[in-house]
C-alpha atoms as a PDB file:
ATOM      1  CA  MET A   1       3.979  17.567  -9.728  1.00  0.00           C
ATOM      2  CA  ASN A   2       7.537  15.795  -9.586  1.00  0.00           C
ATOM      3  CA  LEU A   3       8.807  14.157  -6.594  1.00  0.00           C
ATOM      4  CA  ARG A   4      12.104  12.973  -5.103  1.00  0.00           C
ATOM      5  CA  ILE A   5      11.994   9.666  -3.093  1.00  0.00           C
ATOM      6  CA  GLU A   6      14.875   8.617  -0.730  1.00  0.00           C
ATOM      7  CA  PHE A   7      14.632   5.175   1.201  1.00  0.00           C
ATOM      8  CA  PHE A   8      17.355   3.908   3.556  1.00  0.00           C
ATOM      9  CA  ALA A   9      17.403   0.978   5.665  1.00  0.00           C
ATOM     10  CA  GLN A  10      20.038  -0.994   7.736  1.00  0.00           C
ATOM     11  CA  LEU A  11      19.623  -4.806   8.246  1.00  0.00           C
ATOM     12  CA  ASN A  12      21.317  -7.088  10.113  1.00  0.00           C
ATOM     13  CA  ALA A  13      21.268 -10.902   9.567  1.00  0.00           C
ATOM     14  CA  PRO A  14      23.048 -13.528  11.806  1.00  0.00           C
ATOM     15  CA  ILE A  15      23.655 -15.789   8.762  1.00  0.00           C
ATOM     16  CA  ASP A  16      23.526 -15.366   4.907  1.00  0.00           C
ATOM     17  CA  THR A  17      19.746 -15.078   4.402  1.00  0.00           C
ATOM     18  CA  PRO A  18      17.580 -15.270   1.523  1.00  0.00           C
ATOM     19  CA  ALA A  19      15.254 -12.432   1.033  1.00  0.00           C
ATOM     20  CA  VAL A  20      13.087 -10.221  -1.186  1.00  0.00           C
ATOM     21  CA  LEU A  21      13.067  -6.528  -1.327  1.00  0.00           C
ATOM     22  CA  MET A  22      10.105  -4.466  -2.705  1.00  0.00           C
ATOM     23  CA  VAL A  23      10.878  -0.727  -2.395  1.00  0.00           C
ATOM     24  CA  GLU A  24      11.146   0.359  -5.938  1.00  0.00           C
ATOM     25  CA  VAL A  25       8.323   2.466  -7.582  1.00  0.00           C
ATOM     26  CA  ALA A  26       5.924   0.408  -9.314  1.00  0.00           C
ATOM     27  CA  THR A  27       6.450   0.401 -13.259  1.00  0.00           C
ATOM     28  CA  SER A  28       3.116   2.245 -13.899  1.00  0.00           C
ATOM     29  CA  HIS A  29       4.914   5.524 -12.709  1.00  0.00           C
ATOM     30  CA  GLN A  30       7.117   7.432 -14.739  1.00  0.00           C
ATOM     31  CA  ALA A  31      10.474   7.207 -12.973  1.00  0.00           C
ATOM     32  CA  PRO A  32      13.175   8.458 -15.225  1.00  0.00           C
ATOM     33  CA  TYR A  33      15.674   7.948 -12.520  1.00  0.00           C
ATOM     34  CA  SER A  34      15.408   4.861 -10.035  1.00  0.00           C
ATOM     35  CA  ASP A  35      18.541   3.576  -8.348  1.00  0.00           C
ATOM     36  CA  LEU A  36      19.008   0.569  -5.605  1.00  0.00           C
ATOM     37  CA  ARG A  37      22.301   0.220  -4.234  1.00  0.00           C
ATOM     38  CA  LEU A  38      23.407  -2.330  -1.148  1.00  0.00           C
ATOM     39  CA  SER A  39      26.253  -2.017   0.796  1.00  0.00           C
ATOM     40  CA  PRO A  40      28.230  -4.293   1.038  1.00  0.00           C
ATOM     41  CA  TYR A  41      27.317  -5.005  -2.734  1.00  0.00           C
ATOM     42  CA  VAL A  42      25.542  -8.168  -3.214  1.00  0.00           C
ATOM     43  CA  GLU A  43      23.650  -9.215  -6.504  1.00  0.00           C
ATOM     44  CA  ALA A  44      19.846  -8.411  -6.345  1.00  0.00           C
ATOM     45  CA  GLN A  45      17.851 -10.100  -9.107  1.00  0.00           C
ATOM     46  CA  PRO A  46      15.111  -8.072 -10.580  1.00  0.00           C
ATOM     47  CA  PHE A  47      11.752  -9.929 -11.169  1.00  0.00           C
ATOM     48  CA  LEU A  48       7.956  -9.192 -11.149  1.00  0.00           C
ATOM     49  CA  ASP A  49       5.907 -10.831  -8.738  1.00  0.00           C
ATOM     50  CA  MET A  50       2.549 -12.548  -9.245  1.00  0.00           C
ATOM     51  CA  PHE A  51       0.767  -9.032  -8.950  1.00  0.00           C
ATOM     52  CA  GLY A  52       3.274  -7.414 -11.469  1.00  0.00           C
ATOM     53  CA  ASN A  53       5.047  -5.698  -8.410  1.00  0.00           C
ATOM     54  CA  PRO A  54       8.859  -4.969  -9.003  1.00  0.00           C
ATOM     55  CA  CYS A  55      10.908  -6.743  -6.414  1.00  0.00           C
ATOM     56  CA  ARG A  56      14.581  -8.007  -6.158  1.00  0.00           C
ATOM     57  CA  LYS A  57      15.749 -11.522  -4.934  1.00  0.00           C
ATOM     58  CA  LEU A  58      19.021 -11.374  -3.096  1.00  0.00           C
ATOM     59  CA  ILE A  59      21.278 -13.442  -0.358  1.00  0.00           C
ATOM     60  CA  LEU A  60      21.591 -10.702   2.694  1.00  0.00           C
ATOM     61  CA  PRO A  61      25.241 -11.553   3.880  1.00  0.00           C
ATOM     62  CA  ALA A  62      25.788 -12.129   7.482  1.00  0.00           C
ATOM     63  CA  GLY A  63      26.069  -8.697   9.575  1.00  0.00           C
ATOM     64  CA  GLU A  64      24.934  -5.494   8.491  1.00  0.00           C
ATOM     65  CA  THR A  65      23.405  -4.483   4.926  1.00  0.00           C
ATOM     66  CA  GLN A  66      22.480  -0.868   4.054  1.00  0.00           C
ATOM     67  CA  VAL A  67      19.807  -0.654   1.594  1.00  0.00           C
ATOM     68  CA  ALA A  68      19.529   2.615  -0.112  1.00  0.00           C
ATOM     69  CA  TYR A  69      17.095   3.473  -2.873  1.00  0.00           C
ATOM     70  CA  SER A  70      16.346   6.949  -4.550  1.00  0.00           C
ATOM     71  CA  ALA A  71      14.138   7.940  -7.379  1.00  0.00           C
ATOM     72  CA  THR A  72      12.539  10.797  -9.500  1.00  0.00           C
ATOM     73  CA  VAL A  73       8.935  10.459 -10.039  1.00  0.00           C
ATOM     74  CA  ALA A  74       6.311  12.431 -12.210  1.00  0.00           C
ATOM     75  CA  VAL A  75       3.156  12.440 -10.414  1.00  0.00           C
ATOM     76  CA  ARG A  76       0.274  13.482 -12.617  1.00  0.00           C
ATOM     77  CA  ASN A  77      -3.293  14.174 -11.553  1.00  0.00           C
ATOM     78  CA  GLU A  78      -5.843  11.514 -12.588  1.00  0.00           C
ATOM     79  CA  PRO A  79      -7.847  12.046 -15.749  1.00  0.00           C
ATOM     80  CA  ALA A  80     -11.139  13.777 -15.256  1.00  0.00           C
ATOM     81  CA  SER A  81     -13.971  11.258 -15.614  1.00  0.00           C
ATOM     82  CA  PRO A  82     -17.426  10.858 -14.550  1.00  0.00           C
ATOM     83  CA  THR A  83     -18.258  10.190 -11.051  1.00  0.00           C
ATOM     84  CA  PRO A  84     -19.604   6.533 -10.742  1.00  0.00           C
ATOM     85  CA  ASP A  85     -22.800   6.500  -8.978  1.00  0.00           C
ATOM     86  CA  THR A  86     -23.733   2.632  -9.217  1.00  0.00           C
ATOM     87  CA  ASP A  87     -21.678  -0.236  -7.432  1.00  0.00           C
ATOM     88  CA  THR A  88     -19.578  -2.874  -9.243  1.00  0.00           C
ATOM     89  CA  ASP A  89     -21.514  -5.619 -10.680  1.00  0.00           C
ATOM     90  CA  PRO A  90     -19.350  -8.743 -10.052  1.00  0.00           C
ATOM     91  CA  MET A  91     -20.623 -10.595 -12.901  1.00  0.00           C
ATOM     92  CA  ALA A  92     -19.148  -8.166 -15.148  1.00  0.00           C
ATOM     93  CA  LEU A  93     -15.526  -8.506 -13.718  1.00  0.00           C
ATOM     94  CA  ALA A  94     -12.723 -10.139 -15.140  1.00  0.00           C
ATOM     95  CA  ALA A  95     -11.140 -12.980 -13.134  1.00  0.00           C
ATOM     96  CA  ASP A  96      -8.056 -10.649 -12.089  1.00  0.00           C
ATOM     97  CA  ILE A  97     -10.179  -8.291 -10.651  1.00  0.00           C
ATOM     98  CA  LEU A  98     -12.742 -10.607  -9.253  1.00  0.00           C
ATOM     99  CA  GLN A  99     -10.132 -12.042  -6.978  1.00  0.00           C
ATOM    100  CA  TYR A 100     -10.180  -8.678  -4.936  1.00  0.00           C
ATOM    101  CA  THR A 101     -13.816  -9.343  -3.759  1.00  0.00           C
ATOM    102  CA  LEU A 102     -12.676 -12.413  -1.756  1.00  0.00           C
ATOM    103  CA  PRO A 103     -11.672 -12.682   1.906  1.00  0.00           C
ATOM    104  CA  SER A 104      -7.771 -12.765   2.579  1.00  0.00           C
ATOM    105  CA  ARG A 105      -5.471 -13.325   5.477  1.00  0.00           C
ATOM    106  CA  TYR A 106      -5.825  -9.713   7.027  1.00  0.00           C
ATOM    107  CA  CYS A 107      -9.043  -8.877   5.520  1.00  0.00           C
ATOM    108  CA  GLN A 108     -11.796 -11.284   6.529  1.00  0.00           C
ATOM    109  CA  SER A 109     -14.648  -9.681   4.832  1.00  0.00           C
ATOM    110  CA  ASP A 110     -16.990 -12.867   5.122  1.00  0.00           C
ATOM    111  CA  ARG A 111     -17.258 -11.898   8.784  1.00  0.00           C
ATOM    112  CA  PHE A 112     -18.176  -8.271   8.150  1.00  0.00           C
ATOM    113  CA  GLU A 113     -20.999  -8.431   5.688  1.00  0.00           C
ATOM    114  CA  ALA A 114     -23.722  -7.806   8.381  1.00  0.00           C
ATOM    115  CA  THR A 115     -21.800  -5.029  10.055  1.00  0.00           C
ATOM    116  CA  ALA A 116     -20.885  -3.551   6.515  1.00  0.00           C
ATOM    117  CA  ARG A 117     -24.471  -3.679   5.493  1.00  0.00           C
ATOM    118  CA  ASP A 118     -25.800  -1.870   8.881  1.00  0.00           C
ATOM    119  CA  LEU A 119     -23.060   1.111   8.422  1.00  0.00           C
ATOM    120  CA  PHE A 120     -23.094   1.525   4.639  1.00  0.00           C
ATOM    121  CA  GLY A 121     -26.035  -0.191   3.327  1.00  0.00           C
ATOM    122  CA  SER A 122     -27.940   3.049   3.049  1.00  0.00           C
ATOM    123  CA  SER A 123     -24.753   4.972   1.528  1.00  0.00           C
ATOM    124  CA  ARG A 124     -25.368   6.139  -2.077  1.00  0.00           C
ATOM    125  CA  PRO A 125     -23.882   3.563  -4.281  1.00  0.00           C
ATOM    126  CA  GLY A 126     -20.590   4.175  -5.967  1.00  0.00           C
ATOM    127  CA  LEU A 127     -18.178   6.488  -4.942  1.00  0.00           C
ATOM    128  CA  ALA A 128     -20.145   7.963  -2.183  1.00  0.00           C
ATOM    129  CA  ARG A 129     -20.278   4.665  -0.593  1.00  0.00           C
ATOM    130  CA  ILE A 130     -16.306   4.200  -0.518  1.00  0.00           C
ATOM    131  CA  GLN A 131     -16.023   7.585   0.628  1.00  0.00           C
ATOM    132  CA  ASP A 132     -18.280   6.962   3.391  1.00  0.00           C
ATOM    133  CA  ILE A 133     -16.423   4.094   4.609  1.00  0.00           C
ATOM    134  CA  CYS A 134     -13.127   6.013   4.559  1.00  0.00           C
ATOM    135  CA  SER A 135     -14.806   8.969   6.484  1.00  0.00           C
ATOM    136  CA  TRP A 136     -16.266   6.346   9.329  1.00  0.00           C
ATOM    137  CA  ILE A 137     -12.881   4.879   9.562  1.00  0.00           C
ATOM    138  CA  ASN A 138     -11.169   8.182   9.849  1.00  0.00           C
ATOM    139  CA  ARG A 139     -13.645   9.145  12.533  1.00  0.00           C
ATOM    140  CA  HIS A 140     -13.711   6.002  14.524  1.00  0.00           C
ATOM    141  CA  ILE A 141     -10.521   4.398  14.282  1.00  0.00           C
ATOM    142  CA  GLU A 142      -7.628   6.119  16.458  1.00  0.00           C
ATOM    143  CA  TYR A 143      -4.160   6.589  14.436  1.00  0.00           C
ATOM    144  CA  GLN A 144      -1.802   5.267  17.174  1.00  0.00           C
ATOM    145  CA  TYR A 145       1.665   4.005  16.172  1.00  0.00           C
ATOM    146  CA  GLY A 146       3.060   1.283  18.022  1.00  0.00           C
ATOM    147  CA  THR A 147      -0.240  -0.339  18.979  1.00  0.00           C
ATOM    148  CA  THR A 148      -0.414  -3.227  16.307  1.00  0.00           C
ATOM    149  CA  ASN A 149       1.754  -5.424  14.697  1.00  0.00           C
ATOM    150  CA  SER A 150       2.045  -7.925  11.822  1.00  0.00           C
ATOM    151  CA  SER A 151      -0.551 -10.322  13.022  1.00  0.00           C
ATOM    152  CA  THR A 152      -3.172  -7.486  13.492  1.00  0.00           C
ATOM    153  CA  SER A 153      -6.343  -8.111  11.019  1.00  0.00           C
ATOM    154  CA  ALA A 154      -9.268  -5.828  10.095  1.00  0.00           C
ATOM    155  CA  ALA A 155     -11.131  -7.719  12.802  1.00  0.00           C
ATOM    156  CA  ASP A 156      -8.790  -6.687  15.680  1.00  0.00           C
ATOM    157  CA  THR A 157      -8.734  -3.207  14.150  1.00  0.00           C
ATOM    158  CA  LEU A 158     -12.382  -2.999  14.392  1.00  0.00           C
ATOM    159  CA  LEU A 159     -12.249  -4.577  17.824  1.00  0.00           C
ATOM    160  CA  GLU A 160      -9.673  -2.270  19.399  1.00  0.00           C
ATOM    161  CA  ARG A 161     -10.499   0.986  17.522  1.00  0.00           C
ATOM    162  CA  ARG A 162      -6.893   2.053  16.874  1.00  0.00           C
ATOM    163  CA  GLY A 163      -3.954   1.048  14.544  1.00  0.00           C
ATOM    164  CA  VAL A 164      -1.712   2.615  11.848  1.00  0.00           C
ATOM    165  CA  CYS A 165      -1.953   3.222   8.171  1.00  0.00           C
ATOM    166  CA  ARG A 166      -1.815  -0.657   7.393  1.00  0.00           C
ATOM    167  CA  ASP A 167      -4.659  -1.243   9.746  1.00  0.00           C
ATOM    168  CA  PHE A 168      -6.583   1.629   8.113  1.00  0.00           C
ATOM    169  CA  ALA A 169      -6.189   0.035   4.886  1.00  0.00           C
ATOM    170  CA  HIS A 170      -7.240  -3.385   5.822  1.00  0.00           C
ATOM    171  CA  LEU A 171     -10.326  -2.342   7.441  1.00  0.00           C
ATOM    172  CA  ALA A 172     -11.431  -0.125   4.449  1.00  0.00           C
ATOM    173  CA  ILE A 173     -10.533  -3.180   2.166  1.00  0.00           C
ATOM    174  CA  THR A 174     -12.758  -5.492   4.163  1.00  0.00           C
ATOM    175  CA  PHE A 175     -15.840  -3.236   4.307  1.00  0.00           C
ATOM    176  CA  CYS A 176     -15.314  -2.784   0.636  1.00  0.00           C
ATOM    177  CA  ARG A 177     -15.057  -6.396  -0.137  1.00  0.00           C
ATOM    178  CA  ALA A 178     -17.886  -7.259   2.389  1.00  0.00           C
ATOM    179  CA  LEU A 179     -19.904  -4.883  -0.162  1.00  0.00           C
ATOM    180  CA  TYR A 180     -18.821  -6.777  -3.095  1.00  0.00           C
ATOM    181  CA  ILE A 181     -16.428  -3.944  -4.021  1.00  0.00           C
ATOM    182  CA  PRO A 182     -13.165  -4.914  -5.344  1.00  0.00           C
ATOM    183  CA  ALA A 183     -10.670  -3.196  -3.325  1.00  0.00           C
ATOM    184  CA  ARG A 184      -6.773  -4.036  -2.744  1.00  0.00           C
ATOM    185  CA  TYR A 185      -3.919  -3.109  -0.830  1.00  0.00           C
ATOM    186  CA  VAL A 186      -1.121  -0.638  -1.827  1.00  0.00           C
ATOM    187  CA  SER A 187       2.164  -0.017  -0.283  1.00  0.00           C
ATOM    188  CA  GLY A 188       3.814   3.107  -1.506  1.00  0.00           C
ATOM    189  CA  TYR A 189       5.438   6.598  -0.822  1.00  0.00           C
ATOM    190  CA  CYS A 190       3.487   9.586   0.211  1.00  0.00           C
ATOM    191  CA  LEU A 191       4.059  13.116   0.122  1.00  0.00           C
ATOM    192  CA  GLY A 192       3.315  14.973   3.632  1.00  0.00           C
ATOM    193  CA  LEU A 193       3.103  12.498   5.952  1.00  0.00           C
ATOM    194  CA  GLU A 194       3.624  13.969   9.506  1.00  0.00           C
ATOM    195  CA  THR A 195       6.088  11.013  10.249  1.00  0.00           C
ATOM    196  CA  PRO A 196       7.964  10.291   6.908  1.00  0.00           C
ATOM    197  CA  ASP A 197       7.648   6.541   6.472  1.00  0.00           C
ATOM    198  CA  LEU A 198       6.423   3.962   3.926  1.00  0.00           C
ATOM    199  CA  HIS A 199       2.655   4.583   3.676  1.00  0.00           C
ATOM    200  CA  ALA A 200      -0.352   2.048   3.092  1.00  0.00           C
ATOM    201  CA  TYR A 201      -3.342   2.716   1.361  1.00  0.00           C
ATOM    202  CA  PHE A 202      -5.905   1.090  -0.943  1.00  0.00           C
ATOM    203  CA  GLU A 203      -7.481   0.946  -4.117  1.00  0.00           C
ATOM    204  CA  ALA A 204     -11.160   0.022  -5.343  1.00  0.00           C
ATOM    205  CA  PHE A 205     -12.113  -1.082  -8.655  1.00  0.00           C
ATOM    206  CA  LEU A 206     -14.880   1.301  -9.560  1.00  0.00           C
ATOM    207  CA  GLY A 207     -16.071   2.894 -13.032  1.00  0.00           C
ATOM    208  CA  GLY A 208     -14.033   0.517 -14.711  1.00  0.00           C
ATOM    209  CA  ARG A 209     -10.605   1.639 -13.189  1.00  0.00           C
ATOM    210  CA  TRP A 210      -8.737   1.515  -9.987  1.00  0.00           C
ATOM    211  CA  ARG A 211      -9.044   4.427  -7.836  1.00  0.00           C
ATOM    212  CA  ALA A 212      -6.880   5.451  -4.730  1.00  0.00           C
ATOM    213  CA  PHE A 213      -8.358   6.107  -1.427  1.00  0.00           C
ATOM    214  CA  ASP A 214      -6.750   6.751   2.082  1.00  0.00           C
ATOM    215  CA  ALA A 215      -8.555   6.389   5.349  1.00  0.00           C
ATOM    216  CA  THR A 216      -5.999   7.812   7.392  1.00  0.00           C
ATOM    217  CA  SER A 217      -6.776  11.433   6.015  1.00  0.00           C
ATOM    218  CA  PRO A 218     -10.025  13.271   5.772  1.00  0.00           C
ATOM    219  CA  GLU A 219      -8.828  15.043   2.916  1.00  0.00           C
ATOM    220  CA  PRO A 220      -7.020  13.598  -0.461  1.00  0.00           C
ATOM    221  CA  ARG A 221      -3.240  13.240  -0.217  1.00  0.00           C
ATOM    222  CA  GLN A 222      -1.052  15.660  -2.390  1.00  0.00           C
ATOM    223  CA  ALA A 223       0.546  12.838  -3.740  1.00  0.00           C
ATOM    224  CA  LEU A 224       0.869   9.005  -3.601  1.00  0.00           C
ATOM    225  CA  VAL A 225       3.323   6.622  -5.364  1.00  0.00           C
ATOM    226  CA  ARG A 226       2.733   2.899  -5.794  1.00  0.00           C
ATOM    227  CA  ILE A 227       5.334   0.727  -4.857  1.00  0.00           C
ATOM    228  CA  GLY A 228       3.002  -2.669  -4.749  1.00  0.00           C
ATOM    229  CA  THR A 229      -0.527  -4.004  -4.688  1.00  0.00           C
ATOM    230  CA  GLY A 230      -1.745  -7.084  -3.472  1.00  0.00           C
ATOM    231  CA  LEU A 231      -4.945  -8.660  -1.607  1.00  0.00           C
ATOM    232  CA  ASP A 232      -3.322  -7.403   1.773  1.00  0.00           C
ATOM    233  CA  ALA A 233      -0.303  -6.375   3.337  1.00  0.00           C
ATOM    234  CA  ALA A 234       1.110 -10.154   3.261  1.00  0.00           C
ATOM    235  CA  MET A 235       1.910  -9.557  -0.438  1.00  0.00           C
ATOM    236  CA  CYS A 236       3.416  -5.878  -0.155  1.00  0.00           C
ATOM    237  CA  ALA A 237       6.272  -6.169   2.748  1.00  0.00           C
ATOM    238  CA  TRP A 238       9.098  -4.158   1.682  1.00  0.00           C
ATOM    239  CA  LEU A 239      11.181  -6.958   3.024  1.00  0.00           C
ATOM    240  CA  THR A 240      10.638 -10.659   3.189  1.00  0.00           C
ATOM    241  CA  ALA A 241      13.517 -12.604   4.964  1.00  0.00           C
ATOM    242  CA  TYR A 242      13.598 -16.657   4.733  1.00  0.00           C
ATOM    243  CA  GLY A 243      15.306 -16.683   7.848  1.00  0.00           C
ATOM    244  CA  MET A 244      16.407 -14.279  10.739  1.00  0.00           C
ATOM    245  CA  ALA A 245      16.981 -10.823   9.891  1.00  0.00           C
ATOM    246  CA  SER A 246      16.107  -7.495  11.339  1.00  0.00           C
ATOM    247  CA  THR A 247      15.677  -3.929  10.586  1.00  0.00           C
ATOM    248  CA  THR A 248      17.910  -1.649  12.934  1.00  0.00           C
ATOM    249  CA  GLN A 249      17.279   1.697  11.198  1.00  0.00           C
ATOM    250  CA  MET A 250      14.980   2.930   8.232  1.00  0.00           C
ATOM    251  CA  THR A 251      14.386   6.435   6.876  1.00  0.00           C
ATOM    252  CA  VAL A 252      11.981   7.863   4.256  1.00  0.00           C
ATOM    253  CA  ALA A 253      11.857  11.025   2.569  1.00  0.00           C
ATOM    254  CA  VAL A 254       9.537  12.196  -0.080  1.00  0.00           C
ATOM    255  CA  THR A 255       9.886  15.864  -1.143  1.00  0.00           C
ATOM    256  CA  GLU A 256       8.929  18.021  -4.024  1.00  0.00           C
ATOM    257  CA  ASP A 257      11.492  18.178  -6.757  1.00  0.00           C
ATOM    258  CA  SER A 258      12.283  20.690  -9.481  1.00  0.00           C
ATOM    259  CA  GLU A 259      11.194  20.082 -13.125  1.00  0.00           C
ATOM    260  CA  GLY A 260      14.976  20.066 -13.954  1.00  0.00           C
ATOM    261  CA  SER A 261      15.984  17.525 -11.643  1.00  0.00           C
ATOM    262  CA  LEU A 262      13.509  15.072 -13.174  1.00  0.00           C
ATOM    263  CA  ALA A 263      16.358  13.439 -15.532  1.00  0.00           C
ATOM    264  CA  ALA A 264      18.995  13.418 -12.877  1.00  0.00           C
END
């Protein structure tokens, strides 16, 4: 499947403001066309952060700045592999994977161990346990736009029983880590969202590789395109401003593209 991605945002800064952008698709995707434009033009220096996410470092000029990103991406089905029926052994994990079993700012898994065992301790190990986590969240947490903010944690979401995709991902990650399953936050683009926007989901390390899951949907998503990964949303913000800057407009469009336009 080939996708066309269009992202647009308008920013306003009262003074020149250092910032980091993270809107480009991850290097793990096949994206023969990927174009980021800023108006007015400013130099945006590309770099990879500590998680390998593609970012741009720049100075937002005082006033309005428009950010326009477009890409064509080839999304391939994951290769068939045996369904893992055992949980991950922490002692067998490499150091870069082991970090995803630890608590983080929004995913306080050390506070969830008893709850996670009560809810999912009797689930079948491996893939089935993670699917049970997603199913429970989807049934018990109400998706309600505008009810949470950048300070909302997994503990808040479990208490209030509502949130948006960011909160669903944090809660799923927290349950996984409480059961010693490595899990990481993913920001990305998604085909078929009812309200097009940037999307948050998560990946769990199972059967020797990262597998994508989305607790906001009872059925697998048609296509997910990764932008960035990290311990939680703090590492995957599309805009990090080192000063005062606000988003006055943002639109996202993800559509199926014809085979012929992939090389546009």
